[in-house]
Each structure stands twice: as structure tokens, then as C-alpha cells.
């Protein structure tokens, strides 16, 4: 796998090769028939002992005329995506912490009991709908509260891609 990684125009470029994707791992792919979800990419910042689990989503992709937009003004759409982000977060945390399905074979070396977990959902939204992501983040935080404590997740973010890109938050969101 090579960097940078883009999905529907949302791009990350990590400074080293300490990243992995469950989607490219046989152990994860063997779980596919069971509805298991995953975050798009995880990167271990070894210098700071931080594992970043990152989801790349585009509810809007102006570069692709065929892209179907997700209008967050519709409560059903918001609820659907909160549930999807919830499942992706929970399933990723479970795969990081257990090896009963051999998913630890997917990870990069260096993740330990002291590694800090940070979860970021980067979402390219329809212009003017950035504020909906605050509601989604708040709702996810409430739903995930016990699991964030159990797995000792340091932070959970749902961030508009346009706000984060260009190194505005961290250098690897491009």
C-alpha cells in the first residue's frame, strides 16, 4: 500500500509506513459475511505512542459529478451515519484489542497496553452543513461512552475535512 491514501477525495498522508488497513487483511476479510465494519486506516505514531484510527467519508465530492451526496438536513441520513460510525468505531476497537479472530495479524508492530488511542472520522460535507458534524460527534460520544472508557480511548473526533486538511489539525491530513 502506498501513501497518500484517498477515499472519495478525502486524503491522509502519514509520515512513515507504520499504518495498516483491516480491509486489506485476510483475518478481517474472513469476517466479511458477519457484517463486521472497520475504520479505513490506522497509523501508529511511534514517537508519541499514539494509534490513530481514521475513517474517511465523503458526503459531498465536488470532483466527482456521479457522487451521490448525503444531505445531513435529513434526520434519517444523520441517524444512519451515526450508526455506521458507531459500528466502525466499536468493531475497530474490538479487532485492535482481541485476537480471537486473528485480527492482530493485521496490525503494525509496536502497539502496546500503554498506546494512546485516538479516533478521527474525517468527513467531507456539503458546504454549510459542517455544524451537523458537531451533533453527530456529541451523539457518538454519548453512545460510545462506556466503550471509550473500557478501551481507554483518549479522544473521539468527527471533523469536517475542509477544516482539517492542509495540516490545520495534524500534518497528515492533506
C-alpha atoms as a PDB file:
ATOM      1  CA  UNK A   1       0.000   0.000   0.000  1.00  0.00           C
ATOM      2  CA  UNK A   2       1.333   3.408  -0.831  1.00  0.00           C
ATOM      3  CA  UNK A   3       0.729   6.852   0.535  1.00  0.00           C
ATOM      4  CA  UNK A   4      -1.141   9.117   0.249  1.00  0.00           C
ATOM      5  CA  UNK A   5      -4.469   7.319   0.771  1.00  0.00           C
ATOM      6  CA  UNK A   6      -7.637   8.875  -0.607  1.00  0.00           C
ATOM      7  CA  UNK A   7     -11.236   7.822  -0.463  1.00  0.00           C
ATOM      8  CA  UNK A   8     -13.703   9.937  -2.433  1.00  0.00           C
ATOM      9  CA  UNK A   9     -11.416  12.960  -2.237  1.00  0.00           C
ATOM     10  CA  UNK A  10     -10.665  12.727   1.496  1.00  0.00           C
ATOM     11  CA  UNK A  11      -6.909  12.207   1.851  1.00  0.00           C
ATOM     12  CA  UNK A  12      -4.342  11.344   4.502  1.00  0.00           C
ATOM     13  CA  UNK A  13      -0.592  11.016   4.092  1.00  0.00           C
ATOM     14  CA  UNK A  14       1.249   9.613   7.089  1.00  0.00           C
ATOM     15  CA  UNK A  15       4.947  10.446   7.513  1.00  0.00           C
ATOM     16  CA  UNK A  16       6.052   6.801   7.736  1.00  0.00           C
ATOM     17  CA  UNK A  17       4.902   3.255   6.969  1.00  0.00           C
ATOM     18  CA  UNK A  18       3.524   2.421  10.431  1.00  0.00           C
ATOM     19  CA  UNK A  19      -0.029   2.142   9.141  1.00  0.00           C
ATOM     20  CA  UNK A  20      -2.403  -0.667   8.277  1.00  0.00           C
ATOM     21  CA  UNK A  21      -5.852  -1.260   6.877  1.00  0.00           C
ATOM     22  CA  UNK A  22      -8.077  -4.022   8.181  1.00  0.00           C
ATOM     23  CA  UNK A  23      -9.742  -4.012   4.737  1.00  0.00           C
ATOM     24  CA  UNK A  24      -6.545  -5.416   3.209  1.00  0.00           C
ATOM     25  CA  UNK A  25      -6.076  -8.154   5.808  1.00  0.00           C
ATOM     26  CA  UNK A  26      -7.154 -11.783   5.372  1.00  0.00           C
ATOM     27  CA  UNK A  27      -8.254 -12.123   9.006  1.00  0.00           C
ATOM     28  CA  UNK A  28     -10.629  -9.179   8.613  1.00  0.00           C
ATOM     29  CA  UNK A  29     -11.846 -10.282   5.195  1.00  0.00           C
ATOM     30  CA  UNK A  30     -12.773 -13.645   6.702  1.00  0.00           C
ATOM     31  CA  UNK A  31     -15.261 -11.799   8.912  1.00  0.00           C
ATOM     32  CA  UNK A  32     -16.969 -10.060   5.979  1.00  0.00           C
ATOM     33  CA  UNK A  33     -20.067 -12.255   5.929  1.00  0.00           C
ATOM     34  CA  UNK A  34     -20.826 -11.306   9.526  1.00  0.00           C
ATOM     35  CA  UNK A  35     -21.377  -7.584   8.959  1.00  0.00           C
ATOM     36  CA  UNK A  36     -18.110  -6.555  10.609  1.00  0.00           C
ATOM     37  CA  UNK A  37     -17.068  -2.966   9.816  1.00  0.00           C
ATOM     38  CA  UNK A  38     -13.716  -1.229  10.090  1.00  0.00           C
ATOM     39  CA  UNK A  39     -12.160   2.219  10.134  1.00  0.00           C
ATOM     40  CA  UNK A  40     -10.404   2.931   6.831  1.00  0.00           C
ATOM     41  CA  UNK A  41      -6.844   3.188   8.111  1.00  0.00           C
ATOM     42  CA  UNK A  42      -4.884   3.122  11.347  1.00  0.00           C
ATOM     43  CA  UNK A  43      -1.488   4.735  11.888  1.00  0.00           C
ATOM     44  CA  UNK A  44       0.870   4.255  14.810  1.00  0.00           C
ATOM     45  CA  UNK A  45       2.753   7.426  15.674  1.00  0.00           C
ATOM     46  CA  UNK A  46       5.621   5.605  17.383  1.00  0.00           C
ATOM     47  CA  UNK A  47       7.333   8.787  18.576  1.00  0.00           C
ATOM     48  CA  UNK A  48       4.272   9.703  20.667  1.00  0.00           C
ATOM     49  CA  UNK A  49       2.900   6.173  21.217  1.00  0.00           C
ATOM     50  CA  UNK A  50      -0.448   7.145  19.641  1.00  0.00           C
ATOM     51  CA  UNK A  51      -2.587   4.929  17.438  1.00  0.00           C
ATOM     52  CA  UNK A  52      -4.837   6.948  15.155  1.00  0.00           C
ATOM     53  CA  UNK A  53      -7.896   5.111  13.801  1.00  0.00           C
ATOM     54  CA  UNK A  54      -9.199   7.148  10.872  1.00  0.00           C
ATOM     55  CA  UNK A  55     -12.405   6.959   8.853  1.00  0.00           C
ATOM     56  CA  UNK A  56     -12.526   8.790   5.518  1.00  0.00           C
ATOM     57  CA  UNK A  57     -16.019   9.752   4.354  1.00  0.00           C
ATOM     58  CA  UNK A  58     -17.362  11.994   1.629  1.00  0.00           C
ATOM     59  CA  UNK A  59     -20.946  13.139   1.943  1.00  0.00           C
ATOM     60  CA  UNK A  60     -20.013  15.562  -0.817  1.00  0.00           C
ATOM     61  CA  UNK A  61     -17.383  15.133  -3.520  1.00  0.00           C
ATOM     62  CA  UNK A  62     -17.426  18.046  -5.975  1.00  0.00           C
ATOM     63  CA  UNK A  63     -14.645  16.441  -8.033  1.00  0.00           C
ATOM     64  CA  UNK A  64     -16.948  13.525  -8.936  1.00  0.00           C
ATOM     65  CA  UNK A  65     -20.159  14.501 -10.728  1.00  0.00           C
ATOM     66  CA  UNK A  66     -21.536  10.958 -10.183  1.00  0.00           C
ATOM     67  CA  UNK A  67     -21.053  11.058  -6.405  1.00  0.00           C
ATOM     68  CA  UNK A  68     -24.344  10.757  -4.520  1.00  0.00           C
ATOM     69  CA  UNK A  69     -24.493  13.455  -1.847  1.00  0.00           C
ATOM     70  CA  UNK A  70     -25.657  12.775   1.703  1.00  0.00           C
ATOM     71  CA  UNK A  71     -27.762  15.718   2.806  1.00  0.00           C
ATOM     72  CA  UNK A  72     -27.465  15.987   6.587  1.00  0.00           C
ATOM     73  CA  UNK A  73     -30.643  18.071   6.793  1.00  0.00           C
ATOM     74  CA  UNK A  74     -32.484  14.728   6.684  1.00  0.00           C
ATOM     75  CA  UNK A  75     -32.645  13.133  10.151  1.00  0.00           C
ATOM     76  CA  UNK A  76     -32.758   9.621   8.665  1.00  0.00           C
ATOM     77  CA  UNK A  77     -29.428  10.255   6.911  1.00  0.00           C
ATOM     78  CA  UNK A  78     -27.854  11.633  10.102  1.00  0.00           C
ATOM     79  CA  UNK A  79     -29.114   8.669  12.150  1.00  0.00           C
ATOM     80  CA  UNK A  80     -27.871   6.195   9.528  1.00  0.00           C
ATOM     81  CA  UNK A  81     -24.372   7.701   9.567  1.00  0.00           C
ATOM     82  CA  UNK A  82     -24.209   7.929  13.361  1.00  0.00           C
ATOM     83  CA  UNK A  83     -24.978   4.196  13.462  1.00  0.00           C
ATOM     84  CA  UNK A  84     -22.388   3.434  10.772  1.00  0.00           C
ATOM     85  CA  UNK A  85     -19.675   5.443  12.514  1.00  0.00           C
ATOM     86  CA  UNK A  86     -20.623   3.778  15.802  1.00  0.00           C
ATOM     87  CA  UNK A  87     -20.269   0.280  14.312  1.00  0.00           C
ATOM     88  CA  UNK A  88     -16.991   1.132  12.589  1.00  0.00           C
ATOM     89  CA  UNK A  89     -15.585   2.508  15.842  1.00  0.00           C
ATOM     90  CA  UNK A  90     -16.710  -0.405  18.018  1.00  0.00           C
ATOM     91  CA  UNK A  91     -15.643  -3.110  15.591  1.00  0.00           C
ATOM     92  CA  UNK A  92     -12.239  -1.488  15.072  1.00  0.00           C
ATOM     93  CA  UNK A  93     -11.636  -1.230  18.812  1.00  0.00           C
ATOM     94  CA  UNK A  94     -12.597  -4.877  19.248  1.00  0.00           C
ATOM     95  CA  UNK A  95     -10.255  -6.007  16.470  1.00  0.00           C
ATOM     96  CA  UNK A  96      -7.422  -3.961  17.962  1.00  0.00           C
ATOM     97  CA  UNK A  97      -7.866  -5.492  21.405  1.00  0.00           C
ATOM     98  CA  UNK A  98      -8.696  -9.148  20.783  1.00  0.00           C
ATOM     99  CA  UNK A  99      -7.080 -11.823  18.701  1.00  0.00           C
ATOM    100  CA  UNK A 100      -9.838 -14.433  18.772  1.00  0.00           C
ATOM    101  CA  UNK A 101     -10.350 -13.936  15.016  1.00  0.00           C
ATOM    102  CA  UNK A 102      -6.614 -13.448  14.334  1.00  0.00           C
ATOM    103  CA  UNK A 103      -7.090  -9.720  13.622  1.00  0.00           C
ATOM    104  CA  UNK A 104      -3.888  -8.849  15.480  1.00  0.00           C
ATOM    105  CA  UNK A 105      -2.101 -10.271  12.428  1.00  0.00           C
ATOM    106  CA  UNK A 106      -3.340  -7.126  10.636  1.00  0.00           C
ATOM    107  CA  UNK A 107      -1.628  -4.644  12.987  1.00  0.00           C
ATOM    108  CA  UNK A 108       1.737  -2.938  12.766  1.00  0.00           C
ATOM    109  CA  UNK A 109       4.317  -3.774  15.401  1.00  0.00           C
ATOM    110  CA  UNK A 110       4.621  -1.531  18.435  1.00  0.00           C
ATOM    111  CA  UNK A 111       1.053  -1.221  19.747  1.00  0.00           C
ATOM    112  CA  UNK A 112       1.118  -1.861  23.491  1.00  0.00           C
ATOM    113  CA  UNK A 113      -1.096  -1.570  26.563  1.00  0.00           C
ATOM    114  CA  UNK A 114       0.194   1.976  27.019  1.00  0.00           C
ATOM    115  CA  UNK A 115      -0.540   3.111  23.453  1.00  0.00           C
ATOM    116  CA  UNK A 116      -2.953   6.035  23.336  1.00  0.00           C
ATOM    117  CA  UNK A 117      -5.961   5.518  21.036  1.00  0.00           C
ATOM    118  CA  UNK A 118      -7.375   8.456  19.079  1.00  0.00           C
ATOM    119  CA  UNK A 119     -10.346   8.080  16.752  1.00  0.00           C
ATOM    120  CA  UNK A 120     -10.985  10.521  13.915  1.00  0.00           C
ATOM    121  CA  UNK A 121     -13.868  10.490  11.464  1.00  0.00           C
ATOM    122  CA  UNK A 122     -12.900  12.859   8.611  1.00  0.00           C
ATOM    123  CA  UNK A 123     -15.989  13.811   6.639  1.00  0.00           C
ATOM    124  CA  UNK A 124     -16.308  15.963   3.547  1.00  0.00           C
ATOM    125  CA  UNK A 125     -19.766  17.506   3.937  1.00  0.00           C
ATOM    126  CA  UNK A 126     -21.964  19.608   1.682  1.00  0.00           C
ATOM    127  CA  UNK A 127     -20.831  23.226   2.205  1.00  0.00           C
ATOM    128  CA  UNK A 128     -22.807  24.814   5.028  1.00  0.00           C
ATOM    129  CA  UNK A 129     -23.506  21.503   6.792  1.00  0.00           C
ATOM    130  CA  UNK A 130     -20.371  21.388   8.939  1.00  0.00           C
ATOM    131  CA  UNK A 131     -22.349  22.104  12.116  1.00  0.00           C
ATOM    132  CA  UNK A 132     -24.215  18.810  11.750  1.00  0.00           C
ATOM    133  CA  UNK A 133     -20.955  17.023  12.494  1.00  0.00           C
ATOM    134  CA  UNK A 134     -20.910  18.564  15.978  1.00  0.00           C
ATOM    135  CA  UNK A 135     -24.262  16.931  16.695  1.00  0.00           C
ATOM    136  CA  UNK A 136     -23.008  13.635  15.244  1.00  0.00           C
ATOM    137  CA  UNK A 137     -19.864  13.778  17.392  1.00  0.00           C
ATOM    138  CA  UNK A 138     -21.875  14.545  20.522  1.00  0.00           C
ATOM    139  CA  UNK A 139     -24.295  11.683  19.837  1.00  0.00           C
ATOM    140  CA  UNK A 140     -21.437   9.266  19.101  1.00  0.00           C
ATOM    141  CA  UNK A 141     -19.703  10.278  22.311  1.00  0.00           C
ATOM    142  CA  UNK A 142     -22.838   9.515  24.344  1.00  0.00           C
ATOM    143  CA  UNK A 143     -23.384   6.147  22.646  1.00  0.00           C
ATOM    144  CA  UNK A 144     -19.727   5.163  22.904  1.00  0.00           C
ATOM    145  CA  UNK A 145     -19.076   6.483  26.427  1.00  0.00           C
ATOM    146  CA  UNK A 146     -18.749   3.082  28.147  1.00  0.00           C
ATOM    147  CA  UNK A 147     -16.597   1.670  25.344  1.00  0.00           C
ATOM    148  CA  UNK A 148     -14.362   4.732  25.222  1.00  0.00           C
ATOM    149  CA  UNK A 149     -13.714   4.118  28.926  1.00  0.00           C
ATOM    150  CA  UNK A 150     -13.220   0.344  28.590  1.00  0.00           C
ATOM    151  CA  UNK A 151     -10.780   0.712  25.694  1.00  0.00           C
ATOM    152  CA  UNK A 152      -9.201   3.875  27.193  1.00  0.00           C
ATOM    153  CA  UNK A 153      -9.747   5.934  24.059  1.00  0.00           C
ATOM    154  CA  UNK A 154      -8.092   9.311  24.539  1.00  0.00           C
ATOM    155  CA  UNK A 155     -10.179  11.232  22.002  1.00  0.00           C
ATOM    156  CA  UNK A 156     -13.005  10.901  19.522  1.00  0.00           C
ATOM    157  CA  UNK A 157     -13.462  13.467  16.757  1.00  0.00           C
ATOM    158  CA  UNK A 158     -15.891  13.941  13.899  1.00  0.00           C
ATOM    159  CA  UNK A 159     -14.247  16.621  11.798  1.00  0.00           C
ATOM    160  CA  UNK A 160     -15.163  18.416   8.575  1.00  0.00           C
ATOM    161  CA  UNK A 161     -12.457  17.509   6.071  1.00  0.00           C
ATOM    162  CA  UNK A 162     -12.257  21.066   4.741  1.00  0.00           C
ATOM    163  CA  UNK A 163     -11.483  22.313   8.254  1.00  0.00           C
ATOM    164  CA  UNK A 164      -8.815  19.686   8.879  1.00  0.00           C
ATOM    165  CA  UNK A 165      -7.000  19.452   5.559  1.00  0.00           C
ATOM    166  CA  UNK A 166      -3.758  21.184   4.831  1.00  0.00           C
ATOM    167  CA  UNK A 167      -2.336  20.362   8.247  1.00  0.00           C
ATOM    168  CA  UNK A 168      -4.777  22.622  10.119  1.00  0.00           C
ATOM    169  CA  UNK A 169      -5.232  19.989  12.864  1.00  0.00           C
ATOM    170  CA  UNK A 170      -2.477  17.440  12.240  1.00  0.00           C
ATOM    171  CA  UNK A 171       0.112  17.399   9.478  1.00  0.00           C
ATOM    172  CA  UNK A 172      -1.016  14.137   7.843  1.00  0.00           C
ATOM    173  CA  UNK A 173      -4.498  15.315   6.770  1.00  0.00           C
ATOM    174  CA  UNK A 174      -3.845  16.704   3.291  1.00  0.00           C
END
